[in-house]
PDB file of N, CA and C in Angstrom:
ATOM      1  N   MET A   1      65.805 105.817  62.057  1.00  0.00           N
ATOM      2  CA  MET A   1      65.409 105.107  61.161  1.00  0.00           C
ATOM      3  C   MET A   1      65.179 103.620  61.631  1.00  0.00           C
ATOM      4  N   SER A   2      64.041 102.994  61.230  1.00  0.00           N
ATOM      5  CA  SER A   2      63.689 101.773  61.790  1.00  0.00           C
ATOM      6  C   SER A   2      63.868 100.682  60.629  1.00  0.00           C
ATOM      7  N   PHE A   3      64.170  99.515  61.024  1.00  0.00           N
ATOM      8  CA  PHE A   3      64.452  98.449  60.149  1.00  0.00           C
ATOM      9  C   PHE A   3      63.723  97.431  60.276  1.00  0.00           C
ATOM     10  N   ILE A   4      62.896  96.708  59.431  1.00  0.00           N
ATOM     11  CA  ILE A   4      62.105  95.528  59.539  1.00  0.00           C
ATOM     12  C   ILE A   4      63.017  94.248  59.433  1.00  0.00           C
ATOM     13  N   LEU A   5      62.921  93.522  60.612  1.00  0.00           N
ATOM     14  CA  LEU A   5      63.795  92.337  60.474  1.00  0.00           C
ATOM     15  C   LEU A   5      62.906  90.997  60.263  1.00  0.00           C
ATOM     16  N   LYS A   6      62.153  91.119  59.366  1.00  0.00           N
ATOM     17  CA  LYS A   6      61.300  90.069  58.711  1.00  0.00           C
ATOM     18  C   LYS A   6      61.656  89.584  57.448  1.00  0.00           C
ATOM     19  N   SER A   7      61.467  88.291  57.210  1.00  0.00           N
ATOM     20  CA  SER A   7      61.793  87.808  55.908  1.00  0.00           C
ATOM     21  C   SER A   7      60.562  88.063  55.141  1.00  0.00           C
ATOM     22  N   PRO A   8      60.647  88.128  53.640  1.00  0.00           N
ATOM     23  CA  PRO A   8      59.411  88.299  53.017  1.00  0.00           C
ATOM     24  C   PRO A   8      58.277  87.235  53.328  1.00  0.00           C
ATOM     25  N   LEU A   9      58.701  85.889  53.629  1.00  0.00           N
ATOM     26  CA  LEU A   9      57.766  85.030  54.139  1.00  0.00           C
ATOM     27  C   LEU A   9      56.935  85.393  55.227  1.00  0.00           C
ATOM     28  N   GLU A  10      57.616  85.847  56.223  1.00  0.00           N
ATOM     29  CA  GLU A  10      57.107  86.319  57.402  1.00  0.00           C
ATOM     30  C   GLU A  10      56.272  87.472  57.324  1.00  0.00           C
ATOM     31  N   VAL A  11      56.505  88.354  56.468  1.00  0.00           N
ATOM     32  CA  VAL A  11      55.670  89.634  56.183  1.00  0.00           C
ATOM     33  C   VAL A  11      54.279  89.100  55.509  1.00  0.00           C
ATOM     34  N   MET A  12      54.408  88.034  54.530  1.00  0.00           N
ATOM     35  CA  MET A  12      53.299  87.491  53.794  1.00  0.00           C
ATOM     36  C   MET A  12      52.365  86.675  54.876  1.00  0.00           C
ATOM     37  N   GLN A  13      53.056  86.101  55.909  1.00  0.00           N
ATOM     38  CA  GLN A  13      52.155  85.311  56.922  1.00  0.00           C
ATOM     39  C   GLN A  13      51.530  86.173  57.705  1.00  0.00           C
ATOM     40  N   ASP A  14      52.221  87.193  58.023  1.00  0.00           N
ATOM     41  CA  ASP A  14      51.646  88.433  58.958  1.00  0.00           C
ATOM     42  C   ASP A  14      50.264  89.094  58.390  1.00  0.00           C
ATOM     43  N   ILE A  15      50.481  89.381  57.156  1.00  0.00           N
ATOM     44  CA  ILE A  15      49.340  90.026  56.349  1.00  0.00           C
ATOM     45  C   ILE A  15      48.154  88.955  56.318  1.00  0.00           C
ATOM     46  N   ALA A  16      48.467  87.786  56.013  1.00  0.00           N
ATOM     47  CA  ALA A  16      47.436  86.745  56.006  1.00  0.00           C
ATOM     48  C   ALA A  16      46.800  86.515  57.334  1.00  0.00           C
ATOM     49  N   TYR A  17      47.684  86.469  58.393  1.00  0.00           N
ATOM     50  CA  TYR A  17      47.149  86.398  59.758  1.00  0.00           C
ATOM     51  C   TYR A  17      45.995  87.436  60.198  1.00  0.00           C
ATOM     52  N   LYS A  18      46.409  88.798  59.632  1.00  0.00           N
ATOM     53  CA  LYS A  18      45.658  89.899  60.031  1.00  0.00           C
ATOM     54  C   LYS A  18      44.482  89.760  59.159  1.00  0.00           C
ATOM     55  N   ALA A  19      44.433  89.499  57.973  1.00  0.00           N
ATOM     56  CA  ALA A  19      43.305  89.285  57.161  1.00  0.00           C
ATOM     57  C   ALA A  19      42.297  88.380  57.797  1.00  0.00           C
ATOM     58  N   LYS A  20      42.910  87.245  58.108  1.00  0.00           N
ATOM     59  CA  LYS A  20      42.004  86.158  58.733  1.00  0.00           C
ATOM     60  C   LYS A  20      41.407  86.844  59.981  1.00  0.00           C
ATOM     61  N   SER A  21      42.062  87.315  60.798  1.00  0.00           N
ATOM     62  CA  SER A  21      41.635  87.981  62.056  1.00  0.00           C
ATOM     63  C   SER A  21      40.441  89.046  61.678  1.00  0.00           C
ATOM     64  N   LYS A  22      40.573  89.754  60.675  1.00  0.00           N
ATOM     65  CA  LYS A  22      39.698  90.708  60.351  1.00  0.00           C
ATOM     66  C   LYS A  22      38.325  90.112  59.903  1.00  0.00           C
ATOM     67  N   ARG A  23      38.529  88.899  58.931  1.00  0.00           N
ATOM     68  CA  ARG A  23      37.344  88.220  58.492  1.00  0.00           C
ATOM     69  C   ARG A  23      36.585  87.529  59.565  1.00  0.00           C
ATOM     70  N   LEU A  24      37.282  86.955  60.707  1.00  0.00           N
ATOM     71  CA  LEU A  24      36.623  86.305  61.954  1.00  0.00           C
ATOM     72  C   LEU A  24      35.890  87.502  62.701  1.00  0.00           C
ATOM     73  N   GLU A  25      36.546  88.719  62.790  1.00  0.00           N
ATOM     74  CA  GLU A  25      35.903  89.726  63.619  1.00  0.00           C
ATOM     75  C   GLU A  25      34.513  90.157  62.870  1.00  0.00           C
ATOM     76  N   GLN A  26      34.418  90.056  61.659  1.00  0.00           N
ATOM     77  CA  GLN A  26      33.409  90.262  61.042  1.00  0.00           C
ATOM     78  C   GLN A  26      32.325  89.121  60.821  1.00  0.00           C
ATOM     79  N   ASN A  27      32.722  88.093  61.471  1.00  0.00           N
ATOM     80  CA  ASN A  27      31.998  86.922  61.539  1.00  0.00           C
ATOM     81  C   ASN A  27      31.462  86.360  60.233  1.00  0.00           C
ATOM     82  N   LEU A  28      32.592  86.291  59.276  1.00  0.00           N
ATOM     83  CA  LEU A  28      32.553  85.667  57.847  1.00  0.00           C
ATOM     84  C   LEU A  28      33.229  84.345  57.924  1.00  0.00           C
ATOM     85  N   THR A  29      32.725  83.519  57.140  1.00  0.00           N
ATOM     86  CA  THR A  29      33.432  82.156  56.835  1.00  0.00           C
ATOM     87  C   THR A  29      34.210  82.429  55.604  1.00  0.00           C
ATOM     88  N   GLN A  30      35.230  81.577  55.266  1.00  0.00           N
ATOM     89  CA  GLN A  30      36.058  81.701  54.119  1.00  0.00           C
ATOM     90  C   GLN A  30      35.066  81.721  52.853  1.00  0.00           C
ATOM     91  N   GLN A  31      33.997  80.938  52.772  1.00  0.00           N
ATOM     92  CA  GLN A  31      33.036  80.797  51.974  1.00  0.00           C
ATOM     93  C   GLN A  31      32.405  82.047  51.604  1.00  0.00           C
ATOM     94  N   GLY A  32      31.880  82.735  52.796  1.00  0.00           N
ATOM     95  CA  GLY A  32      31.280  84.061  52.711  1.00  0.00           C
ATOM     96  C   GLY A  32      32.139  85.086  52.284  1.00  0.00           C
ATOM     97  N   LEU A  33      33.281  84.970  52.669  1.00  0.00           N
ATOM     98  CA  LEU A  33      34.481  86.074  52.174  1.00  0.00           C
ATOM     99  C   LEU A  33      34.592  86.029  50.503  1.00  0.00           C
ATOM    100  N   SER A  34      34.529  84.626  50.221  1.00  0.00           N
ATOM    101  CA  SER A  34      34.797  84.382  48.820  1.00  0.00           C
ATOM    102  C   SER A  34      33.701  84.788  47.860  1.00  0.00           C
ATOM    103  N   VAL A  35      32.460  84.629  48.376  1.00  0.00           N
ATOM    104  CA  VAL A  35      31.305  85.117  47.683  1.00  0.00           C
ATOM    105  C   VAL A  35      31.295  86.692  47.709  1.00  0.00           C
ATOM    106  N   ARG A  36      31.426  87.329  48.888  1.00  0.00           N
ATOM    107  CA  ARG A  36      31.573  88.773  48.714  1.00  0.00           C
ATOM    108  C   ARG A  36      32.577  89.609  47.985  1.00  0.00           C
ATOM    109  N   SER A  37      33.859  88.885  48.058  1.00  0.00           N
ATOM    110  CA  SER A  37      35.018  89.377  47.333  1.00  0.00           C
ATOM    111  C   SER A  37      35.167  89.045  45.932  1.00  0.00           C
ATOM    112  N   GLY A  38      34.507  87.880  45.462  1.00  0.00           N
ATOM    113  CA  GLY A  38      34.828  87.506  44.193  1.00  0.00           C
ATOM    114  C   GLY A  38      36.087  86.646  43.936  1.00  0.00           C
ATOM    115  N   VAL A  39      36.761  86.282  45.119  1.00  0.00           N
ATOM    116  CA  VAL A  39      38.093  85.671  44.966  1.00  0.00           C
ATOM    117  C   VAL A  39      37.539  84.086  45.308  1.00  0.00           C
ATOM    118  N   SER A  40      38.285  83.256  44.608  1.00  0.00           N
ATOM    119  CA  SER A  40      37.935  81.950  44.659  1.00  0.00           C
ATOM    120  C   SER A  40      38.023  81.398  46.185  1.00  0.00           C
ATOM    121  N   LEU A  41      37.361  80.315  46.541  1.00  0.00           N
ATOM    122  CA  LEU A  41      37.651  79.791  48.000  1.00  0.00           C
ATOM    123  C   LEU A  41      38.965  79.248  48.041  1.00  0.00           C
ATOM    124  N   GLY A  42      39.324  78.542  47.100  1.00  0.00           N
ATOM    125  CA  GLY A  42      40.784  78.048  47.052  1.00  0.00           C
ATOM    126  C   GLY A  42      41.749  79.017  47.244  1.00  0.00           C
ATOM    127  N   THR A  43      41.705  80.071  46.629  1.00  0.00           N
ATOM    128  CA  THR A  43      42.659  81.286  46.659  1.00  0.00           C
ATOM    129  C   THR A  43      42.794  81.852  48.289  1.00  0.00           C
ATOM    130  N   ILE A  44      41.476  81.868  48.678  1.00  0.00           N
ATOM    131  CA  ILE A  44      41.439  82.449  50.000  1.00  0.00           C
ATOM    132  C   ILE A  44      41.948  81.460  51.236  1.00  0.00           C
ATOM    133  N   LYS A  45      41.851  80.205  50.995  1.00  0.00           N
ATOM    134  CA  LYS A  45      42.381  79.104  51.764  1.00  0.00           C
ATOM    135  C   LYS A  45      43.813  79.057  51.629  1.00  0.00           C
ATOM    136  N   ARG A  46      44.312  79.118  50.433  1.00  0.00           N
ATOM    137  CA  ARG A  46      45.865  79.184  50.301  1.00  0.00           C
ATOM    138  C   ARG A  46      46.376  80.569  51.018  1.00  0.00           C
ATOM    139  N   PHE A  47      45.659  81.615  50.867  1.00  0.00           N
ATOM    140  CA  PHE A  47      46.184  82.840  51.281  1.00  0.00           C
ATOM    141  C   PHE A  47      46.278  82.790  52.886  1.00  0.00           C
ATOM    142  N   GLU A  48      45.265  82.213  53.448  1.00  0.00           N
ATOM    143  CA  GLU A  48      45.253  82.162  54.991  1.00  0.00           C
ATOM    144  C   GLU A  48      46.332  81.103  55.646  1.00  0.00           C
ATOM    145  N   ARG A  49      46.425  80.132  54.623  1.00  0.00           N
ATOM    146  CA  ARG A  49      47.344  79.204  55.095  1.00  0.00           C
ATOM    147  C   ARG A  49      48.831  79.350  54.975  1.00  0.00           C
ATOM    148  N   PHE A  50      49.229  79.981  53.812  1.00  0.00           N
ATOM    149  CA  PHE A  50      50.589  80.252  53.288  1.00  0.00           C
ATOM    150  C   PHE A  50      51.036  81.652  53.242  1.00  0.00           C
ATOM    151  N   GLY A  51      50.059  82.512  52.935  1.00  0.00           N
ATOM    152  CA  GLY A  51      50.241  83.742  52.605  1.00  0.00           C
ATOM    153  C   GLY A  51      50.335  84.188  51.195  1.00  0.00           C
ATOM    154  N   GLU A  52      50.149  83.146  50.387  1.00  0.00           N
ATOM    155  CA  GLU A  52      50.300  83.427  49.049  1.00  0.00           C
ATOM    156  C   GLU A  52      48.917  83.882  48.237  1.00  0.00           C
ATOM    157  N   ILE A  53      49.231  84.931  47.544  1.00  0.00           N
ATOM    158  CA  ILE A  53      47.988  85.610  46.828  1.00  0.00           C
ATOM    159  C   ILE A  53      48.494  86.611  45.837  1.00  0.00           C
ATOM    160  N   SER A  54      47.592  86.813  44.886  1.00  0.00           N
ATOM    161  CA  SER A  54      48.008  87.904  43.971  1.00  0.00           C
ATOM    162  C   SER A  54      47.505  89.114  44.424  1.00  0.00           C
ATOM    163  N   LEU A  55      48.100  90.252  43.939  1.00  0.00           N
ATOM    164  CA  LEU A  55      47.840  91.608  44.421  1.00  0.00           C
ATOM    165  C   LEU A  55      46.363  91.982  44.205  1.00  0.00           C
ATOM    166  N   LYS A  56      45.824  91.489  42.985  1.00  0.00           N
ATOM    167  CA  LYS A  56      44.318  91.921  42.686  1.00  0.00           C
ATOM    168  C   LYS A  56      43.410  91.111  43.705  1.00  0.00           C
ATOM    169  N   SER A  57      43.721  90.066  43.962  1.00  0.00           N
ATOM    170  CA  SER A  57      42.826  89.250  44.858  1.00  0.00           C
ATOM    171  C   SER A  57      43.026  89.808  46.279  1.00  0.00           C
ATOM    172  N   LEU A  58      44.249  90.241  46.756  1.00  0.00           N
ATOM    173  CA  LEU A  58      44.369  90.793  48.025  1.00  0.00           C
ATOM    174  C   LEU A  58      43.632  92.141  48.091  1.00  0.00           C
ATOM    175  N   ILE A  59      43.617  92.895  47.097  1.00  0.00           N
ATOM    176  CA  ILE A  59      42.825  94.259  47.006  1.00  0.00           C
ATOM    177  C   ILE A  59      41.486  93.910  47.187  1.00  0.00           C
ATOM    178  N   ASP A  60      40.987  93.017  46.394  1.00  0.00           N
ATOM    179  CA  ASP A  60      39.639  92.537  46.443  1.00  0.00           C
ATOM    180  C   ASP A  60      39.196  92.311  47.803  1.00  0.00           C
ATOM    181  N   ILE A  61      40.018  91.444  48.524  1.00  0.00           N
ATOM    182  CA  ILE A  61      39.651  91.055  49.892  1.00  0.00           C
ATOM    183  C   ILE A  61      39.749  92.169  50.827  1.00  0.00           C
ATOM    184  N   ALA A  62      40.681  93.165  50.639  1.00  0.00           N
ATOM    185  CA  ALA A  62      40.774  94.158  51.584  1.00  0.00           C
ATOM    186  C   ALA A  62      39.516  95.186  51.186  1.00  0.00           C
ATOM    187  N   LEU A  63      39.110  95.285  50.070  1.00  0.00           N
ATOM    188  CA  LEU A  63      38.061  96.128  49.882  1.00  0.00           C
ATOM    189  C   LEU A  63      36.621  95.546  50.506  1.00  0.00           C
ATOM    190  N   THR A  64      36.638  94.162  50.429  1.00  0.00           N
ATOM    191  CA  THR A  64      35.582  93.593  51.130  1.00  0.00           C
ATOM    192  C   THR A  64      35.568  93.640  52.624  1.00  0.00           C
ATOM    193  N   LEU A  65      36.661  93.519  53.392  1.00  0.00           N
ATOM    194  CA  LEU A  65      37.034  93.740  54.709  1.00  0.00           C
ATOM    195  C   LEU A  65      37.077  95.083  55.284  1.00  0.00           C
ATOM    196  N   GLY A  66      36.904  96.160  54.270  1.00  0.00           N
ATOM    197  CA  GLY A  66      36.989  97.410  54.745  1.00  0.00           C
ATOM    198  C   GLY A  66      38.373  97.911  55.164  1.00  0.00           C
ATOM    199  N   CYS A  67      39.378  97.331  54.390  1.00  0.00           N
ATOM    200  CA  CYS A  67      40.762  97.857  54.733  1.00  0.00           C
ATOM    201  C   CYS A  67      41.344  98.467  53.724  1.00  0.00           C
ATOM    202  N   MET A  68      40.906  99.109  52.828  1.00  0.00           N
ATOM    203  CA  MET A  68      41.506  99.789  51.623  1.00  0.00           C
ATOM    204  C   MET A  68      42.488 100.976  52.021  1.00  0.00           C
ATOM    205  N   ASN A  69      42.195 101.501  53.078  1.00  0.00           N
ATOM    206  CA  ASN A  69      42.878 102.613  53.617  1.00  0.00           C
ATOM    207  C   ASN A  69      44.338 102.095  54.044  1.00  0.00           C
ATOM    208  N   ASP A  70      44.530 100.961  54.298  1.00  0.00           N
ATOM    209  CA  ASP A  70      45.833 100.380  54.790  1.00  0.00           C
ATOM    210  C   ASP A  70      46.733 100.487  53.577  1.00  0.00           C
ATOM    211  N   PHE A  71      46.203 100.315  52.203  1.00  0.00           N
ATOM    212  CA  PHE A  71      47.194 100.504  51.064  1.00  0.00           C
ATOM    213  C   PHE A  71      47.613 101.899  50.810  1.00  0.00           C
ATOM    214  N   GLU A  72      47.160 102.925  51.337  1.00  0.00           N
ATOM    215  CA  GLU A  72      47.586 104.169  51.256  1.00  0.00           C
ATOM    216  C   GLU A  72      48.982 104.341  51.909  1.00  0.00           C
ATOM    217  N   GLU A  73      49.281 103.554  52.901  1.00  0.00           N
ATOM    218  CA  GLU A  73      50.570 103.632  53.722  1.00  0.00           C
ATOM    219  C   GLU A  73      51.626 102.799  52.950  1.00  0.00           C
ATOM    220  N   LEU A  74      51.360 101.995  51.940  1.00  0.00           N
ATOM    221  CA  LEU A  74      52.303 101.293  51.191  1.00  0.00           C
ATOM    222  C   LEU A  74      53.152 102.273  50.351  1.00  0.00           C
ATOM    223  N   PHE A  75      54.416 102.053  50.352  1.00  0.00           N
ATOM    224  CA  PHE A  75      55.440 102.900  49.448  1.00  0.00           C
ATOM    225  C   PHE A  75      55.234 104.369  49.665  1.00  0.00           C
ATOM    226  N   LYS A  76      54.572 104.843  50.942  1.00  0.00           N
ATOM    227  CA  LYS A  76      54.412 106.218  51.179  1.00  0.00           C
ATOM    228  C   LYS A  76      55.853 106.941  51.262  1.00  0.00           C
ATOM    229  N   ASP A  77      55.904 108.105  50.559  1.00  0.00           N
ATOM    230  CA  ASP A  77      57.234 108.811  50.495  1.00  0.00           C
ATOM    231  C   ASP A  77      57.382 109.729  51.846  1.00  0.00           C
ATOM    232  N   ASN A  78      57.803 109.285  53.051  1.00  0.00           N
ATOM    233  CA  ASN A  78      57.886 109.902  54.096  1.00  0.00           C
ATOM    234  C   ASN A  78      59.415 109.950  54.738  1.00  0.00           C
ATOM    235  N   GLN A  79      60.243 109.646  53.766  1.00  0.00           N
ATOM    236  CA  GLN A  79      61.613 109.414  54.402  1.00  0.00           C
ATOM    237  C   GLN A  79      62.271 110.774  54.448  1.00  0.00           C
ATOM    238  N   LYS A  80      63.075 110.937  55.527  1.00  0.00           N
ATOM    239  CA  LYS A  80      63.791 112.349  55.612  1.00  0.00           C
ATOM    240  C   LYS A  80      65.177 111.913  55.057  1.00  0.00           C
ATOM    241  N   PRO A  81      65.851 113.135  54.472  1.00  0.00           N
ATOM    242  CA  PRO A  81      67.351 112.928  54.142  1.00  0.00           C
ATOM    243  C   PRO A  81      68.219 112.350  55.289  1.00  0.00           C
ATOM    244  N   GLN A  82      69.200 111.752  55.068  1.00  0.00           N
ATOM    245  CA  GLN A  82      70.073 111.018  55.932  1.00  0.00           C
ATOM    246  C   GLN A  82      70.906 112.143  56.545  1.00  0.00           C
ATOM    247  N   SER A  83      71.220 113.248  56.054  1.00  0.00           N
ATOM    248  CA  SER A  83      72.051 114.276  56.605  1.00  0.00           C
ATOM    249  C   SER A  83      71.452 115.529  56.424  1.00  0.00           C
ATOM    250  N   LEU A  84      71.904 116.647  56.914  1.00  0.00           N
ATOM    251  CA  LEU A  84      71.376 118.185  56.623  1.00  0.00           C
ATOM    252  C   LEU A  84      71.973 118.569  55.470  1.00  0.00           C
ATOM    253  N   PHE A  85      72.882 117.912  54.796  1.00  0.00           N
ATOM    254  CA  PHE A  85      73.547 118.469  53.477  1.00  0.00           C
ATOM    255  C   PHE A  85      73.067 117.624  52.380  1.00  0.00           C
ATOM    256  N   GLU A  86      72.231 116.617  52.541  1.00  0.00           N
ATOM    257  CA  GLU A  86      71.568 115.788  51.373  1.00  0.00           C
ATOM    258  C   GLU A  86      70.363 116.481  50.947  1.00  0.00           C
ATOM    259  N   LYS A  87      70.222 116.852  49.617  1.00  0.00           N
ATOM    260  CA  LYS A  87      69.046 117.463  49.190  1.00  0.00           C
ATOM    261  C   LYS A  87      68.135 116.349  48.447  1.00  0.00           C
ATOM    262  N   LYS A  88      66.917 116.321  48.881  1.00  0.00           N
ATOM    263  CA  LYS A  88      66.021 115.470  48.295  1.00  0.00           C
ATOM    264  C   LYS A  88      65.584 116.008  46.844  1.00  0.00           C
ATOM    265  N   SER A  89      65.676 115.108  45.918  1.00  0.00           N
ATOM    266  CA  SER A  89      64.970 115.743  44.545  1.00  0.00           C
ATOM    267  C   SER A  89      63.586 115.790  44.572  1.00  0.00           C
ATOM    268  N   ASP A  90      63.113 116.865  43.944  1.00  0.00           N
ATOM    269  CA  ASP A  90      61.786 117.004  43.779  1.00  0.00           C
ATOM    270  C   ASP A  90      61.205 116.338  42.686  1.00  0.00           C
ATOM    271  N   GLN A  91      62.060 115.838  41.593  1.00  0.00           N
ATOM    272  CA  GLN A  91      61.672 115.141  40.550  1.00  0.00           C
ATOM    273  C   GLN A  91      61.411 113.518  40.938  1.00  0.00           C
ATOM    274  N   THR A  92      60.393 113.098  40.328  1.00  0.00           N
ATOM    275  CA  THR A  92      60.063 111.641  40.487  1.00  0.00           C
ATOM    276  C   THR A  92      60.856 111.052  39.343  1.00  0.00           C
ATOM    277  N   ARG A  93      61.471 109.805  39.619  1.00  0.00           N
ATOM    278  CA  ARG A  93      62.191 109.127  38.524  1.00  0.00           C
ATOM    279  C   ARG A  93      61.333 108.453  37.721  1.00  0.00           C
ATOM    280  N   LYS A  94      61.611 108.487  36.460  1.00  0.00           N
ATOM    281  CA  LYS A  94      60.775 107.620  35.496  1.00  0.00           C
ATOM    282  C   LYS A  94      61.411 106.399  35.219  1.00  0.00           C
ATOM    283  N   ARG A  95      62.694 106.193  35.469  1.00  0.00           N
ATOM    284  CA  ARG A  95      63.320 104.908  35.018  1.00  0.00           C
ATOM    285  C   ARG A  95      64.390 104.597  35.940  1.00  0.00           C
ATOM    286  N   GLY A  96      64.740 103.147  36.058  1.00  0.00           N
ATOM    287  CA  GLY A  96      65.801 102.836  36.838  1.00  0.00           C
ATOM    288  C   GLY A  96      67.183 102.837  36.043  1.00  0.00           C
ATOM    289  N   THR A  97      68.193 102.834  36.604  1.00  0.00           N
ATOM    290  CA  THR A  97      69.489 102.901  35.823  1.00  0.00           C
ATOM    291  C   THR A  97      70.284 101.514  36.109  1.00  0.00           C
ATOM    292  N   ILE A  98      69.761 100.738  37.013  1.00  0.00           N
ATOM    293  CA  ILE A  98      70.708  99.361  37.379  1.00  0.00           C
ATOM    294  C   ILE A  98      69.976  98.289  36.650  1.00  0.00           C
ATOM    295  N   LYS A  99      70.943  97.463  35.890  1.00  0.00           N
ATOM    296  CA  LYS A  99      70.476  96.456  35.051  1.00  0.00           C
ATOM    297  C   LYS A  99      70.623  95.147  35.693  1.00  0.00           C
TER     298      LYS A  99
END
């Protein structure tokens, strides 16, 4: 089992850094990415600087940069049971129980 030892802020900044690197690999300016993605220039600047962005804008940017397949791995259900005696339920939960 692997543990990620990053804070949410560090994860946001890593995603922003990778997106900026991908933009530069494709020789796009922030303005060019803005025009192609439909995401405002200010949003792109804030994202690359602080990692803050809405999910919709992030998806629009990922689509423009050709990174949509990366979202397939997000929340992927590939966890194994903790022990041989633990049975994994085949049913998908419809609601949470913790308030």
